[in-house]
């Protein structure tokens, strides 16, 4: 989320969405050759970070 390039952010979003193991959720980690083999079926921190990246890509920023 520190990269400035909107294109790179979109590439990252696509890569993460493609590696959800068919669940529509983010995971702690997944097998390099099979994204259906993953750790933590539900990992809210990773889901929150993915959501924050989507918001950032759309021009919304979380103030801290």
PDB file of N, CA and C in Angstrom:
ATOM      1  N   UNK A   1       0.817  -1.184   0.000  1.00  0.00           N
ATOM      2  CA  UNK A   1       0.000   0.000   0.000  1.00  0.00           C
ATOM      3  C   UNK A   1       0.862   1.249   0.000  1.00  0.00           C
ATOM      4  N   UNK A   2       2.155   1.068  -0.066  1.00  0.00           N
ATOM      5  CA  UNK A   2       3.043   2.223  -0.102  1.00  0.00           C
ATOM      6  C   UNK A   2       3.408   2.626  -1.519  1.00  0.00           C
ATOM      7  N   UNK A   3       3.123   1.780  -2.484  1.00  0.00           N
ATOM      8  CA  UNK A   3       3.442   2.097  -3.874  1.00  0.00           C
ATOM      9  C   UNK A   3       2.526   3.220  -4.367  1.00  0.00           C
ATOM     10  N   UNK A   4       3.060   4.117  -5.166  1.00  0.00           N
ATOM     11  CA  UNK A   4       2.280   5.254  -5.674  1.00  0.00           C
ATOM     12  C   UNK A   4       1.538   4.916  -6.963  1.00  0.00           C
ATOM     13  N   UNK A   5       2.057   3.974  -7.728  1.00  0.00           N
ATOM     14  CA  UNK A   5       1.499   3.644  -9.038  1.00  0.00           C
ATOM     15  C   UNK A   5       0.129   2.978  -8.926  1.00  0.00           C
ATOM     16  N   UNK A   6      -0.868   3.613  -9.529  1.00  0.00           N
ATOM     17  CA  UNK A   6      -2.216   3.051  -9.517  1.00  0.00           C
ATOM     18  C   UNK A   6      -2.242   1.729 -10.292  1.00  0.00           C
ATOM     19  N   UNK A   7      -1.448   1.637 -11.353  1.00  0.00           N
ATOM     20  CA  UNK A   7      -1.383   0.403 -12.137  1.00  0.00           C
ATOM     21  C   UNK A   7      -0.846  -0.749 -11.300  1.00  0.00           C
ATOM     22  N   UNK A   8       0.184  -0.480 -10.511  1.00  0.00           N
ATOM     23  CA  UNK A   8       0.774  -1.522  -9.652  1.00  0.00           C
ATOM     24  C   UNK A   8      -0.216  -1.952  -8.575  1.00  0.00           C
ATOM     25  N   UNK A   9      -0.970  -1.007  -8.032  1.00  0.00           N
ATOM     26  CA  UNK A   9      -1.986  -1.352  -7.034  1.00  0.00           C
ATOM     27  C   UNK A   9      -3.043  -2.265  -7.649  1.00  0.00           C
ATOM     28  N   UNK A  10      -3.446  -1.957  -8.885  1.00  0.00           N
ATOM     29  CA  UNK A  10      -4.445  -2.786  -9.558  1.00  0.00           C
ATOM     30  C   UNK A  10      -3.895  -4.184  -9.830  1.00  0.00           C
ATOM     31  N   UNK A  11      -2.632  -4.273 -10.249  1.00  0.00           N
ATOM     32  CA  UNK A  11      -1.994  -5.579 -10.453  1.00  0.00           C
ATOM     33  C   UNK A  11      -2.013  -6.383  -9.157  1.00  0.00           C
ATOM     34  N   UNK A  12      -1.706  -5.733  -8.050  1.00  0.00           N
ATOM     35  CA  UNK A  12      -1.686  -6.401  -6.750  1.00  0.00           C
ATOM     36  C   UNK A  12      -3.080  -6.871  -6.360  1.00  0.00           C
ATOM     37  N   UNK A  13      -4.081  -6.035  -6.578  1.00  0.00           N
ATOM     38  CA  UNK A  13      -5.460  -6.426  -6.278  1.00  0.00           C
ATOM     39  C   UNK A  13      -5.870  -7.648  -7.091  1.00  0.00           C
ATOM     40  N   UNK A  14      -5.537  -7.649  -8.378  1.00  0.00           N
ATOM     41  CA  UNK A  14      -5.868  -8.802  -9.224  1.00  0.00           C
ATOM     42  C   UNK A  14      -5.159 -10.065  -8.744  1.00  0.00           C
ATOM     43  N   UNK A  15      -3.873  -9.933  -8.404  1.00  0.00           N
ATOM     44  CA  UNK A  15      -3.099 -11.086  -7.942  1.00  0.00           C
ATOM     45  C   UNK A  15      -3.679 -11.655  -6.653  1.00  0.00           C
ATOM     46  N   UNK A  16      -4.013 -10.785  -5.711  1.00  0.00           N
ATOM     47  CA  UNK A  16      -4.574 -11.246  -4.441  1.00  0.00           C
ATOM     48  C   UNK A  16      -5.949 -11.880  -4.631  1.00  0.00           C
ATOM     49  N   UNK A  17      -6.784 -11.256  -5.446  1.00  0.00           N
ATOM     50  CA  UNK A  17      -8.125 -11.794  -5.687  1.00  0.00           C
ATOM     51  C   UNK A  17      -8.057 -13.156  -6.375  1.00  0.00           C
ATOM     52  N   UNK A  18      -7.055 -13.351  -7.222  1.00  0.00           N
ATOM     53  CA  UNK A  18      -6.908 -14.626  -7.927  1.00  0.00           C
ATOM     54  C   UNK A  18      -6.384 -15.734  -7.016  1.00  0.00           C
ATOM     55  N   UNK A  19      -5.829 -15.366  -5.865  1.00  0.00           N
ATOM     56  CA  UNK A  19      -5.223 -16.344  -4.955  1.00  0.00           C
ATOM     57  C   UNK A  19      -6.086 -16.584  -3.722  1.00  0.00           C
ATOM     58  N   UNK A  20      -7.393 -16.472  -3.870  1.00  0.00           N
ATOM     59  CA  UNK A  20      -8.283 -16.633  -2.715  1.00  0.00           C
ATOM     60  C   UNK A  20      -8.731 -18.072  -2.498  1.00  0.00           C
ATOM     61  N   UNK A  21      -8.254 -18.988  -3.318  1.00  0.00           N
ATOM     62  CA  UNK A  21      -8.625 -20.400  -3.169  1.00  0.00           C
ATOM     63  C   UNK A  21     -10.098 -20.653  -3.433  1.00  0.00           C
ATOM     64  N   UNK A  22     -10.731 -19.734  -4.161  1.00  0.00           N
ATOM     65  CA  UNK A  22     -12.138 -19.901  -4.487  1.00  0.00           C
ATOM     66  C   UNK A  22     -13.093 -19.522  -3.368  1.00  0.00           C
ATOM     67  N   UNK A  23     -12.573 -18.876  -2.328  1.00  0.00           N
ATOM     68  CA  UNK A  23     -13.407 -18.551  -1.166  1.00  0.00           C
ATOM     69  C   UNK A  23     -13.904 -17.110  -1.151  1.00  0.00           C
ATOM     70  N   UNK A  24     -13.255 -16.234  -1.924  1.00  0.00           N
ATOM     71  CA  UNK A  24     -13.602 -14.820  -1.865  1.00  0.00           C
ATOM     72  C   UNK A  24     -13.015 -14.118  -0.658  1.00  0.00           C
ATOM     73  N   UNK A  25     -12.121 -14.797   0.063  1.00  0.00           N
ATOM     74  CA  UNK A  25     -11.491 -14.248   1.265  1.00  0.00           C
ATOM     75  C   UNK A  25      -9.977 -14.328   1.147  1.00  0.00           C
ATOM     76  N   UNK A  26      -9.292 -13.495   1.910  1.00  0.00           N
ATOM     77  CA  UNK A  26      -7.843 -13.557   1.979  1.00  0.00           C
ATOM     78  C   UNK A  26      -7.446 -14.585   3.038  1.00  0.00           C
ATOM     79  N   UNK A  27      -6.248 -15.118   2.889  1.00  0.00           N
ATOM     80  CA  UNK A  27      -5.740 -16.119   3.824  1.00  0.00           C
ATOM     81  C   UNK A  27      -4.378 -15.691   4.332  1.00  0.00           C
ATOM     82  N   UNK A  28      -3.950 -16.321   5.415  1.00  0.00           N
ATOM     83  CA  UNK A  28      -2.646 -16.020   5.991  1.00  0.00           C
ATOM     84  C   UNK A  28      -1.542 -16.390   5.002  1.00  0.00           C
ATOM     85  N   UNK A  29      -1.680 -17.521   4.372  1.00  0.00           N
ATOM     86  CA  UNK A  29      -0.713 -17.986   3.393  1.00  0.00           C
ATOM     87  C   UNK A  29      -1.331 -19.089   2.568  1.00  0.00           C
ATOM     88  N   UNK A  30      -0.718 -19.380   1.421  1.00  0.00           N
ATOM     89  CA  UNK A  30      -1.221 -20.459   0.582  1.00  0.00           C
ATOM     90  C   UNK A  30      -0.060 -21.146  -0.112  1.00  0.00           C
ATOM     91  N   UNK A  31      -0.291 -22.378  -0.535  1.00  0.00           N
ATOM     92  CA  UNK A  31       0.725 -23.173  -1.214  1.00  0.00           C
ATOM     93  C   UNK A  31       1.043 -22.530  -2.557  1.00  0.00           C
ATOM     94  N   UNK A  32       2.318 -22.427  -2.864  1.00  0.00           N
ATOM     95  CA  UNK A  32       2.764 -21.749  -4.080  1.00  0.00           C
ATOM     96  C   UNK A  32       2.198 -22.382  -5.356  1.00  0.00           C
ATOM     97  N   UNK A  33       1.946 -23.686  -5.340  1.00  0.00           N
ATOM     98  CA  UNK A  33       1.454 -24.378  -6.531  1.00  0.00           C
ATOM     99  C   UNK A  33      -0.041 -24.656  -6.510  1.00  0.00           C
ATOM    100  N   UNK A  34      -0.713 -24.391  -5.392  1.00  0.00           N
ATOM    101  CA  UNK A  34      -2.139 -24.709  -5.283  1.00  0.00           C
ATOM    102  C   UNK A  34      -2.793 -23.774  -4.270  1.00  0.00           C
ATOM    103  N   UNK A  35      -3.460 -22.730  -4.778  1.00  0.00           N
ATOM    104  CA  UNK A  35      -4.031 -21.747  -3.854  1.00  0.00           C
ATOM    105  C   UNK A  35      -5.255 -22.251  -3.098  1.00  0.00           C
ATOM    106  N   UNK A  36      -5.684 -23.484  -3.375  1.00  0.00           N
ATOM    107  CA  UNK A  36      -6.780 -24.057  -2.581  1.00  0.00           C
ATOM    108  C   UNK A  36      -6.254 -24.690  -1.292  1.00  0.00           C
ATOM    109  N   UNK A  37      -4.934 -24.759  -1.150  1.00  0.00           N
ATOM    110  CA  UNK A  37      -4.298 -25.227   0.087  1.00  0.00           C
ATOM    111  C   UNK A  37      -3.773 -23.989   0.809  1.00  0.00           C
ATOM    112  N   UNK A  38      -4.470 -23.579   1.843  1.00  0.00           N
ATOM    113  CA  UNK A  38      -4.131 -22.334   2.512  1.00  0.00           C
ATOM    114  C   UNK A  38      -4.230 -22.488   4.023  1.00  0.00           C
ATOM    115  N   UNK A  39      -3.674 -21.497   4.719  1.00  0.00           N
ATOM    116  CA  UNK A  39      -3.759 -21.459   6.177  1.00  0.00           C
ATOM    117  C   UNK A  39      -4.807 -20.430   6.582  1.00  0.00           C
ATOM    118  N   UNK A  40      -5.406 -20.646   7.730  1.00  0.00           N
ATOM    119  CA  UNK A  40      -6.433 -19.758   8.291  1.00  0.00           C
ATOM    120  C   UNK A  40      -7.558 -19.488   7.296  1.00  0.00           C
ATOM    121  N   UNK A  41      -8.564 -20.326   7.367  1.00  0.00           N
ATOM    122  CA  UNK A  41      -9.716 -20.175   6.477  1.00  0.00           C
ATOM    123  C   UNK A  41     -10.324 -18.775   6.566  1.00  0.00           C
ATOM    124  N   UNK A  42     -10.341 -18.205   7.751  1.00  0.00           N
ATOM    125  CA  UNK A  42     -10.863 -16.864   7.953  1.00  0.00           C
ATOM    126  C   UNK A  42      -9.787 -16.061   8.668  1.00  0.00           C
ATOM    127  N   UNK A  43      -9.265 -15.049   8.017  1.00  0.00           N
ATOM    128  CA  UNK A  43      -8.190 -14.239   8.592  1.00  0.00           C
ATOM    129  C   UNK A  43      -8.566 -12.772   8.414  1.00  0.00           C
ATOM    130  N   UNK A  44      -9.261 -12.216   9.399  1.00  0.00           N
ATOM    131  CA  UNK A  44      -9.857 -10.885   9.257  1.00  0.00           C
ATOM    132  C   UNK A  44      -8.832  -9.782   9.015  1.00  0.00           C
ATOM    133  N   UNK A  45      -7.630  -9.905   9.570  1.00  0.00           N
ATOM    134  CA  UNK A  45      -6.617  -8.876   9.345  1.00  0.00           C
ATOM    135  C   UNK A  45      -6.281  -8.792   7.860  1.00  0.00           C
ATOM    136  N   UNK A  46      -6.077  -9.935   7.213  1.00  0.00           N
ATOM    137  CA  UNK A  46      -5.763  -9.935   5.779  1.00  0.00           C
ATOM    138  C   UNK A  46      -6.930  -9.390   4.966  1.00  0.00           C
ATOM    139  N   UNK A  47      -8.150  -9.740   5.340  1.00  0.00           N
ATOM    140  CA  UNK A  47      -9.328  -9.201   4.652  1.00  0.00           C
ATOM    141  C   UNK A  47      -9.393  -7.682   4.812  1.00  0.00           C
ATOM    142  N   UNK A  48      -9.077  -7.183   6.002  1.00  0.00           N
ATOM    143  CA  UNK A  48      -9.095  -5.741   6.247  1.00  0.00           C
ATOM    144  C   UNK A  48      -8.032  -5.029   5.417  1.00  0.00           C
ATOM    145  N   UNK A  49      -6.842  -5.616   5.311  1.00  0.00           N
ATOM    146  CA  UNK A  49      -5.780  -5.004   4.515  1.00  0.00           C
ATOM    147  C   UNK A  49      -6.140  -4.993   3.028  1.00  0.00           C
ATOM    148  N   UNK A  50      -6.766  -6.061   2.551  1.00  0.00           N
ATOM    149  CA  UNK A  50      -7.227  -6.100   1.160  1.00  0.00           C
ATOM    150  C   UNK A  50      -8.264  -4.998   0.938  1.00  0.00           C
ATOM    151  N   UNK A  51      -9.188  -4.864   1.874  1.00  0.00           N
ATOM    152  CA  UNK A  51     -10.225  -3.826   1.769  1.00  0.00           C
ATOM    153  C   UNK A  51      -9.615  -2.432   1.779  1.00  0.00           C
ATOM    154  N   UNK A  52      -8.602  -2.237   2.611  1.00  0.00           N
ATOM    155  CA  UNK A  52      -7.940  -0.934   2.662  1.00  0.00           C
ATOM    156  C   UNK A  52      -7.233  -0.631   1.343  1.00  0.00           C
ATOM    157  N   UNK A  53      -6.649  -1.644   0.714  1.00  0.00           N
ATOM    158  CA  UNK A  53      -6.011  -1.451  -0.585  1.00  0.00           C
ATOM    159  C   UNK A  53      -7.045  -1.090  -1.649  1.00  0.00           C
ATOM    160  N   UNK A  54      -8.210  -1.720  -1.616  1.00  0.00           N
ATOM    161  CA  UNK A  54      -9.294  -1.380  -2.550  1.00  0.00           C
ATOM    162  C   UNK A  54      -9.703   0.078  -2.351  1.00  0.00           C
ATOM    163  N   UNK A  55      -9.899   0.481  -1.101  1.00  0.00           N
ATOM    164  CA  UNK A  55     -10.270   1.867  -0.814  1.00  0.00           C
ATOM    165  C   UNK A  55      -9.197   2.840  -1.299  1.00  0.00           C
ATOM    166  N   UNK A  56      -7.940   2.507  -1.033  1.00  0.00           N
ATOM    167  CA  UNK A  56      -6.820   3.337  -1.470  1.00  0.00           C
ATOM    168  C   UNK A  56      -6.826   3.462  -2.992  1.00  0.00           C
ATOM    169  N   UNK A  57      -7.009   2.357  -3.688  1.00  0.00           N
ATOM    170  CA  UNK A  57      -7.049   2.367  -5.152  1.00  0.00           C
ATOM    171  C   UNK A  57      -8.174   3.276  -5.660  1.00  0.00           C
ATOM    172  N   UNK A  58      -9.296   3.289  -4.955  1.00  0.00           N
ATOM    173  CA  UNK A  58     -10.461   4.097  -5.350  1.00  0.00           C
ATOM    174  C   UNK A  58     -10.352   5.555  -4.904  1.00  0.00           C
ATOM    175  N   UNK A  59      -9.281   5.890  -4.182  1.00  0.00           N
ATOM    176  CA  UNK A  59      -9.061   7.274  -3.779  1.00  0.00           C
ATOM    177  C   UNK A  59      -9.550   7.634  -2.392  1.00  0.00           C
ATOM    178  N   UNK A  60      -9.911   6.634  -1.608  1.00  0.00           N
ATOM    179  CA  UNK A  60     -10.326   6.868  -0.222  1.00  0.00           C
ATOM    180  C   UNK A  60      -9.177   6.476   0.693  1.00  0.00           C
ATOM    181  N   UNK A  61      -8.864   7.330   1.650  1.00  0.00           N
ATOM    182  CA  UNK A  61      -7.732   7.065   2.521  1.00  0.00           C
ATOM    183  C   UNK A  61      -8.168   7.033   3.977  1.00  0.00           C
ATOM    184  N   UNK A  62      -7.608   6.109   4.722  1.00  0.00           N
ATOM    185  CA  UNK A  62      -7.882   5.954   6.143  1.00  0.00           C
ATOM    186  C   UNK A  62      -6.968   6.912   6.906  1.00  0.00           C
ATOM    187  N   UNK A  63      -7.542   7.816   7.651  1.00  0.00           N
ATOM    188  CA  UNK A  63      -6.731   8.714   8.471  1.00  0.00           C
ATOM    189  C   UNK A  63      -6.385   8.017   9.773  1.00  0.00           C
ATOM    190  N   UNK A  64      -5.149   8.139  10.180  1.00  0.00           N
ATOM    191  CA  UNK A  64      -4.687   7.480  11.401  1.00  0.00           C
ATOM    192  C   UNK A  64      -4.348   8.504  12.447  1.00  0.00           C
TER     193      UNK A  64
END
